[in-house]
Protein backbone atom coordinates (compact mmCIF):
# COMPACT_ATOMS: atom_id res chain seq x y z
CA MET A 1 -151.13 -187.68 46.23
CA TYR A 2 -150.48 -191.18 44.94
CA SER A 3 -147.72 -193.71 45.41
CA THR A 4 -147.01 -197.01 43.74
CA ASN A 5 -144.15 -199.46 43.55
CA SER A 6 -144.10 -199.20 39.76
CA ARG A 7 -143.26 -196.13 37.72
CA ILE A 8 -146.14 -194.34 35.98
CA ASP A 9 -145.00 -193.63 32.42
CA LEU A 10 -148.16 -191.87 31.28
CA PRO A 11 -149.96 -188.69 32.36
CA VAL A 12 -152.75 -189.27 34.85
CA VAL A 13 -155.32 -187.11 36.63
CA VAL A 14 -156.06 -187.49 40.34
CA LYS A 15 -159.58 -186.57 41.44
CA ASP A 16 -160.67 -186.46 45.07
CA SER A 17 -164.37 -186.26 45.96
CA TRP A 18 -166.70 -186.74 48.91
CA GLN A 19 -169.44 -189.24 48.13
CA TYR A 20 -172.38 -190.77 49.95
CA PRO A 21 -171.37 -194.28 51.12
CA GLU A 22 -174.47 -195.87 49.57
CA ARG A 23 -173.62 -194.68 46.05
CA ASP A 24 -171.86 -196.88 43.56
CA GLU A 25 -168.18 -196.01 43.72
CA GLU A 26 -167.11 -193.85 40.78
CA GLY A 27 -163.89 -195.86 40.48
CA ASP A 28 -165.82 -199.11 40.10
CA LEU A 29 -168.01 -197.54 37.40
CA LEU A 30 -165.01 -196.15 35.51
CA ARG A 31 -163.24 -199.50 35.69
CA GLN A 32 -166.35 -201.26 34.39
CA ALA A 33 -166.65 -198.72 31.57
CA THR A 34 -163.00 -199.17 30.57
CA GLU A 35 -163.23 -202.97 30.70
CA SER A 36 -166.41 -202.83 28.60
CA GLY A 37 -164.57 -200.99 25.82
CA VAL A 38 -166.51 -197.76 26.25
CA THR A 39 -165.14 -194.95 24.05
CA ASN A 40 -164.99 -191.21 24.67
CA VAL A 41 -164.95 -191.71 28.45
CA ALA A 42 -161.90 -191.01 30.61
CA ARG A 43 -160.02 -194.31 31.04
CA TYR A 44 -159.66 -195.89 34.45
CA TYR A 45 -156.27 -196.30 36.14
CA HIS A 46 -156.84 -196.67 39.91
CA HIS A 47 -159.27 -195.85 42.72
CA GLU A 48 -159.33 -196.04 46.50
CA THR A 49 -160.91 -194.77 49.69
CA VAL A 50 -158.53 -192.30 51.34
CA ARG A 51 -157.41 -193.47 54.77
CA ILE A 52 -156.00 -191.60 57.77
CA ASN A 53 -154.19 -193.57 60.46
CA GLY A 54 -155.63 -196.76 59.03
CA LYS A 55 -159.25 -195.56 59.02
CA SER A 56 -161.47 -194.44 56.16
CA ASP A 57 -161.58 -190.63 55.85
CA ASP A 58 -165.18 -189.42 56.13
CA ILE A 59 -167.28 -186.49 57.32
CA LEU A 60 -168.24 -188.14 60.58
CA GLY A 61 -164.58 -188.68 61.36
CA ILE A 62 -163.75 -185.03 60.71
CA ARG A 63 -166.66 -183.94 62.91
CA ARG A 64 -165.86 -186.43 65.65
CA GLY A 65 -166.74 -185.02 69.05
CA LEU A 66 -168.74 -182.08 67.70
CA SER A 67 -172.30 -181.59 68.92
CA ILE A 68 -174.67 -181.07 66.01
CA PRO A 69 -178.06 -179.43 66.81
CA THR A 70 -181.14 -181.32 65.69
CA LEU A 71 -184.88 -180.87 66.16
CA LYS A 72 -186.04 -179.04 69.30
CA SER A 73 -187.98 -181.09 71.83
CA ARG A 74 -191.38 -180.02 73.17
CA GLN A 75 -189.67 -178.51 76.21
CA GLY A 76 -187.63 -176.29 73.91
CA SER A 77 -184.30 -177.94 74.62
CA VAL A 78 -182.13 -178.73 71.64
CA LYS A 79 -181.26 -182.35 71.11
CA SER A 80 -177.91 -183.08 69.56
CA THR A 81 -176.03 -185.93 68.02
CA THR A 82 -172.33 -186.44 67.74
CA SER A 83 -170.47 -187.63 64.73
CA ARG A 84 -169.36 -190.70 66.66
CA SER A 85 -172.59 -192.26 65.46
CA ARG A 86 -172.02 -193.84 62.10
CA SER A 87 -174.61 -193.76 59.38
CA ARG A 88 -176.27 -197.11 58.86
CA ARG A 89 -177.73 -196.08 55.53
CA GLY A 90 -176.68 -198.01 52.46
CA ARG A 91 -173.86 -200.42 52.07
CA LYS A 92 -170.57 -200.17 53.89
CA ASP A 93 -168.01 -198.40 51.74
CA GLN A 94 -165.26 -200.58 50.40
CA GLU A 95 -161.82 -199.72 51.69
CA SER A 96 -158.93 -200.04 49.28
CA ALA A 97 -156.07 -202.24 50.41
CA SER A 98 -153.69 -199.64 49.00
CA GLY A 99 -155.41 -196.69 50.72
CA LEU A 100 -153.11 -193.80 51.56
CA LYS A 101 -152.40 -192.21 54.91
CA ARG A 102 -151.99 -188.48 55.38
CA SER A 103 -150.67 -186.43 58.27
CA SER A 104 -152.87 -184.06 60.26
CA ASP A 105 -151.31 -181.00 58.61
CA CYS A 106 -153.02 -182.00 55.35
CA VAL A 107 -156.52 -181.94 56.82
CA ASP A 108 -157.28 -178.30 56.01
CA THR A 109 -156.42 -178.70 52.34
CA LEU A 110 -158.47 -181.87 51.87
CA LEU A 111 -161.65 -180.94 53.71
CA PRO A 112 -164.89 -181.27 51.71
CA PRO A 113 -165.31 -178.41 49.23
CA PRO A 114 -167.77 -175.56 49.84
CA HIS A 115 -171.29 -175.63 48.42
CA SER A 116 -171.12 -175.86 44.65
CA LYS A 117 -173.46 -175.69 41.70
CA ARG A 118 -174.02 -179.39 42.03
CA THR A 119 -176.99 -179.64 44.28
CA GLN A 120 -179.43 -181.84 46.04
CA SER A 121 -183.10 -181.09 46.50
CA SER A 122 -183.17 -181.24 50.28
CA SER A 123 -180.26 -180.22 52.46
CA PRO A 124 -179.92 -181.91 55.85
CA THR A 125 -178.49 -178.67 57.24
CA LYS A 126 -181.64 -176.77 56.37
CA THR A 127 -184.12 -179.28 57.78
CA PRO A 128 -183.10 -180.40 61.28
CA THR A 129 -184.24 -183.90 62.20
CA ASN A 130 -183.62 -186.42 64.93
CA ASN A 131 -181.63 -188.59 62.51
CA PRO A 132 -177.82 -188.82 62.70
CA PRO A 133 -175.94 -186.47 60.35
CA LEU A 134 -175.47 -187.74 56.80
CA ASN A 135 -172.03 -189.07 56.01
CA ARG A 136 -169.73 -188.70 53.00
CA VAL A 137 -166.59 -190.68 52.30
CA HIS A 138 -163.36 -189.25 50.86
CA ARG A 139 -162.68 -191.19 47.65
CA ARG A 140 -159.92 -190.89 45.09
CA VAL A 141 -159.99 -191.79 41.40
CA ILE A 142 -157.05 -191.74 38.97
CA VAL A 143 -157.77 -191.64 35.24
CA ARG A 144 -155.51 -191.70 32.20
CA ASP A 145 -157.03 -188.83 30.23
CA PHE A 146 -157.35 -185.10 30.68
CA GLY A 147 -158.26 -182.09 28.57
CA ARG A 148 -159.75 -178.62 28.50
CA PRO A 149 -163.30 -177.80 29.64
CA ILE A 150 -165.69 -177.71 26.71
CA TYR A 151 -166.39 -173.99 27.18
CA LYS A 152 -162.74 -173.36 26.28
CA SER A 153 -163.18 -174.91 22.82
CA SER A 154 -161.00 -173.11 20.28
CA SER A 155 -163.88 -172.34 17.91
CA ARG A 156 -167.63 -172.66 17.51
CA ALA A 157 -167.13 -175.71 15.31
CA ALA A 158 -164.80 -177.23 17.91
CA LEU A 159 -167.46 -176.73 20.59
CA LEU A 160 -170.01 -178.56 18.44
CA ALA A 161 -167.53 -181.33 17.65
CA GLY A 162 -166.76 -181.60 21.36
CA LEU A 163 -170.42 -181.99 22.23
CA GLU A 164 -170.81 -184.58 19.49
CA GLY A 165 -167.88 -186.54 20.94
CA CYS A 166 -169.36 -186.32 24.43
CA ILE A 167 -172.66 -187.71 23.19
CA LYS A 168 -170.77 -190.54 21.48
CA GLY A 169 -169.14 -191.25 24.83
CA TYR A 170 -172.47 -191.13 26.60
CA ASP A 171 -174.02 -193.44 24.00
CA SER A 172 -171.13 -195.88 24.39
CA LEU A 173 -171.45 -195.71 28.19
CA TYR A 174 -175.15 -196.47 27.97
CA GLN A 175 -174.97 -199.17 25.31
CA ASN A 176 -171.79 -200.99 26.38
CA ALA A 177 -171.70 -200.54 30.15
CA GLY A 178 -175.36 -200.00 30.99
CA MET A 179 -174.86 -196.68 32.78
CA ILE A 180 -176.49 -193.28 32.57
CA GLN A 181 -174.75 -190.05 33.56
CA LEU A 182 -173.57 -186.71 32.18
CA ASN A 183 -170.51 -184.56 32.52
CA GLU A 184 -168.21 -183.42 29.76
CA ASP A 185 -164.75 -182.23 28.86
CA ASP A 186 -162.86 -181.95 25.58
CA GLU A 187 -159.48 -182.49 23.91
CA ASN A 188 -158.22 -186.02 24.44
CA PRO A 189 -155.16 -187.71 22.91
CA SER A 190 -157.32 -190.50 21.48
CA TRP A 191 -160.67 -188.77 21.03
CA ARG A 192 -161.69 -185.20 20.25
CA ALA A 193 -163.94 -185.20 23.31
CA PHE A 194 -164.72 -187.41 26.28
CA LEU A 195 -166.85 -187.66 29.39
CA ILE A 196 -165.57 -187.25 32.93
CA ASP A 197 -167.12 -187.60 36.39
CA LEU A 198 -169.10 -190.78 36.90
CA ASP A 199 -169.59 -189.92 40.58
CA LEU A 200 -173.32 -189.42 39.95
CA ALA A 201 -173.69 -192.33 37.52
CA ILE A 202 -176.08 -195.19 38.10
CA ARG A 203 -176.41 -198.60 36.48
CA VAL A 204 -179.50 -198.79 34.32
CA GLU A 205 -180.71 -202.10 35.73
CA ARG A 206 -180.90 -200.72 39.27
CA ASP A 207 -184.22 -199.56 40.65
CA GLY A 208 -184.29 -195.92 41.68
CA PHE A 209 -181.28 -193.70 42.17
CA SER A 210 -178.71 -196.06 43.60
CA GLY A 211 -179.06 -194.49 47.00
CA ALA A 212 -178.94 -190.93 45.68
CA ARG A 213 -180.32 -188.36 48.07
CA GLY A 214 -182.68 -186.02 46.28
CA LYS A 215 -182.15 -184.46 42.87
CA THR A 216 -178.43 -184.44 42.27
CA GLY A 217 -176.48 -182.79 39.48
CA THR A 218 -175.53 -179.38 38.12
CA ARG A 219 -178.89 -177.66 38.47
CA ALA A 220 -178.61 -175.39 35.41
CA PHE A 221 -178.08 -178.46 33.20
CA MET A 222 -180.71 -180.71 34.76
CA ALA A 223 -183.49 -182.01 32.53
CA ILE A 224 -187.00 -180.77 33.23
CA GLY A 225 -188.15 -184.23 34.26
CA VAL A 226 -185.27 -184.60 36.71
CA LEU A 227 -186.18 -181.25 38.26
CA TYR A 228 -189.66 -182.68 38.79
CA GLY A 229 -188.18 -185.76 40.45
CA GLU A 230 -188.82 -188.32 37.71
CA LYS A 231 -186.90 -191.60 37.67
CA HIS A 232 -183.67 -191.00 35.76
CA SER A 233 -183.55 -191.99 32.09
CA PHE A 234 -181.02 -191.74 29.26
CA MET A 235 -183.42 -189.21 27.73
CA HIS A 236 -182.82 -186.88 30.67
CA ASP A 237 -179.07 -186.99 30.09
CA LEU A 238 -179.43 -186.26 26.39
CA GLU A 239 -181.67 -183.29 27.23
CA SER A 240 -178.90 -182.06 29.54
CA PHE A 241 -176.58 -181.71 26.53
CA PHE A 242 -179.06 -179.21 25.10
CA TRP A 243 -178.94 -177.16 28.30
CA VAL A 244 -175.13 -177.29 28.34
CA LEU A 245 -174.96 -175.81 24.83
CA PHE A 246 -177.63 -173.21 25.66
CA TRP A 247 -175.68 -172.20 28.78
CA VAL A 248 -172.36 -171.89 26.96
CA CYS A 249 -173.90 -169.71 24.24
CA ILE A 250 -175.16 -167.29 26.88
CA HIS A 251 -172.22 -167.24 29.28
CA TYR A 252 -169.16 -167.28 26.96
CA ASP A 253 -168.16 -164.70 24.36
CA GLY A 254 -165.36 -166.80 22.95
CA PRO A 255 -163.01 -169.51 24.25
CA GLY A 256 -162.90 -169.18 28.03
CA LYS A 257 -164.32 -165.63 28.01
CA GLY A 258 -167.00 -166.06 30.63
CA ARG A 259 -169.57 -163.56 31.84
CA VAL A 260 -172.38 -163.50 34.39
CA VAL A 261 -175.99 -163.16 33.24
CA GLU A 262 -178.08 -162.67 36.35
CA ARG A 263 -181.30 -164.18 35.00
CA PHE A 264 -179.64 -167.46 34.14
CA GLU A 265 -177.11 -167.42 36.97
CA GLU A 266 -180.09 -167.86 39.27
CA TRP A 267 -180.70 -171.26 37.69
CA ASN A 268 -177.93 -172.62 39.90
CA TYR A 269 -179.90 -171.81 43.04
CA ALA A 270 -183.58 -171.68 42.04
CA ASN A 271 -186.21 -173.95 43.50
CA THR A 272 -186.23 -177.06 41.32
CA GLU A 273 -189.95 -176.95 40.47
CA ASN A 274 -189.78 -173.24 39.67
CA LEU A 275 -186.77 -173.89 37.42
CA ALA A 276 -188.61 -176.73 35.67
CA TYR A 277 -191.54 -174.39 35.02
CA GLU A 278 -189.21 -171.70 33.63
CA LYS A 279 -187.41 -174.16 31.36
CA LYS A 280 -190.71 -175.49 30.02
CA GLY A 281 -191.79 -171.96 29.14
CA LEU A 282 -188.46 -171.20 27.49
CA VAL A 283 -188.68 -174.08 24.98
CA SER A 284 -192.43 -174.11 24.35
CA ASP A 285 -192.65 -171.45 21.62
CA GLU A 286 -190.16 -171.16 18.76
CA GLY A 287 -190.57 -167.42 18.28
CA ASP A 288 -190.05 -166.73 21.96
CA PHE A 289 -187.03 -169.02 22.07
CA LEU A 290 -185.37 -167.29 19.11
CA ARG A 291 -186.04 -163.90 20.70
CA ILE A 292 -184.44 -165.05 23.97
CA ALA A 293 -181.45 -166.39 22.04
CA GLU A 294 -181.06 -163.11 20.14
CA GLN A 295 -181.20 -161.12 23.36
CA ASN A 296 -178.97 -163.35 25.47
CA PHE A 297 -176.53 -165.29 23.28
CA THR A 298 -173.17 -163.55 23.15
CA PRO A 299 -172.10 -162.02 19.80
CA TYR A 300 -169.59 -164.85 19.42
CA TYR A 301 -172.28 -167.53 19.67
CA GLN A 302 -175.12 -165.75 17.82
CA PRO A 303 -174.37 -167.84 14.67
CA LEU A 304 -175.44 -170.93 16.65
CA ALA A 305 -178.90 -169.59 17.53
CA SER A 306 -180.75 -171.25 14.66
CA TRP A 307 -178.95 -174.55 15.31
CA VAL A 308 -179.70 -174.50 19.02
CA ASN A 309 -183.32 -173.88 18.05
CA LEU A 310 -183.20 -176.91 15.75
CA LEU A 311 -181.90 -178.96 18.68
CA ARG A 312 -184.81 -177.60 20.71
CA ARG A 313 -187.19 -179.06 18.11
CA VAL A 314 -185.45 -182.44 18.33
CA VAL A 315 -185.23 -182.62 22.12
CA PHE A 316 -188.64 -181.05 22.78
CA PRO A 317 -191.05 -182.24 20.05
CA ASP A 318 -193.79 -179.66 19.43
CA GLY A 319 -192.27 -177.50 22.15
CA ARG A 320 -193.12 -180.01 24.86
CA ARG A 321 -190.94 -182.12 27.09
CA TRP A 322 -190.73 -185.71 25.93
CA LYS A 323 -193.21 -188.31 27.18
CA LYS A 324 -192.03 -191.37 25.25
CA LEU A 325 -188.54 -192.83 25.00
CA ASN A 326 -186.83 -192.15 21.68
CA PRO A 327 -184.03 -194.69 21.07
CA HIS A 328 -182.78 -192.59 18.15
CA LEU A 329 -182.49 -189.30 20.04
CA SER A 330 -178.70 -189.38 20.42
CA SER A 331 -178.29 -189.95 16.66
CA GLU A 332 -180.71 -187.13 15.86
CA ILE A 333 -178.85 -184.72 18.15
CA MET A 334 -175.47 -185.68 16.69
CA ASP A 335 -176.83 -185.21 13.16
CA VAL A 336 -177.78 -181.60 13.99
CA LEU A 337 -174.37 -180.97 15.56
CA ARG A 338 -172.55 -182.37 12.49
CA ARG A 339 -174.54 -180.26 10.06
CA ALA A 340 -173.97 -177.15 12.15
CA GLN A 341 -170.21 -177.68 11.95
CA SER A 342 -170.42 -177.18 8.17
CA ASP A 343 -172.51 -174.01 8.31
CA SER A 344 -170.63 -171.07 6.74
CA ASN A 345 -171.94 -168.72 9.45
CA VAL A 346 -170.63 -171.03 12.16
CA LEU A 347 -167.30 -171.28 10.34
CA GLY A 348 -167.09 -167.53 9.74
CA GLN A 349 -164.70 -165.04 11.32
CA GLY A 350 -163.90 -165.84 14.91
CA SER A 351 -165.26 -169.37 14.55
């Protein structure tokens, strides 16, 4: 996957992804974060745009020569575009001087992944237009840290400590590097927890979404305001940590012991405004929230119900989604997580 003239004497992780050309490159953001001294974020090592036969690897290149149906004309004939047309949207992606070549027999294994739980609000495949097909570029990032997913935390207290560490990383990313973004992982040689995936990150000083198309992110973890299409804020990301913990408590009955709960599984695919409405109703009344937690949290995570409810109070004052920025919100969330780690019920058998 990666070659260099010098020997790599440390473990690294190689991540390939397909990104819109107009987005900030994840590798640039990770490098900036590392150079800014950000803590609890995977450390940058290298990034590049993957190249085939000297050309950047992208969706339009893979589809070259294919006719793609677009909007029907008045006469009923179907217009089409070919992927030879290059998207003019956004800036031209930067090609790495050390970009790698790959042979044609690797194409099948490195094609863009199937539809995932990360979503966008409007899919170009569902709404035919006369515009050229959207493009994505095959980019590669190498980082120096790796760990286990947070849902595989060895105990309830470890899960809470992992979330606390992730929020520290997020806070450092926001304060030191001026970025906002969420994704999490745990168990790091230097830190107990750290953030990964800056592919959806944006710099705070930029207007709008840095070229983002629609509402992007893991839908089940998206803040209510983001589901409504609000301009992204650090408050949205901190709210997402609440939804991550809520999701884990419902879908895992111990380290890595996942299950499917149909009602909440639908969050990955629901209409964004309908999901926002459902989330608002879920957090609006304390009694209802505790009843939902009792009915849906797994036995393993039942001891966290009262603490998740306390987080609900912090993140959603008076049972309502926030309207004013709270610069102390990350500290308030971490305070709840720290206190929960000392709770005898949380530390009890199977903790």
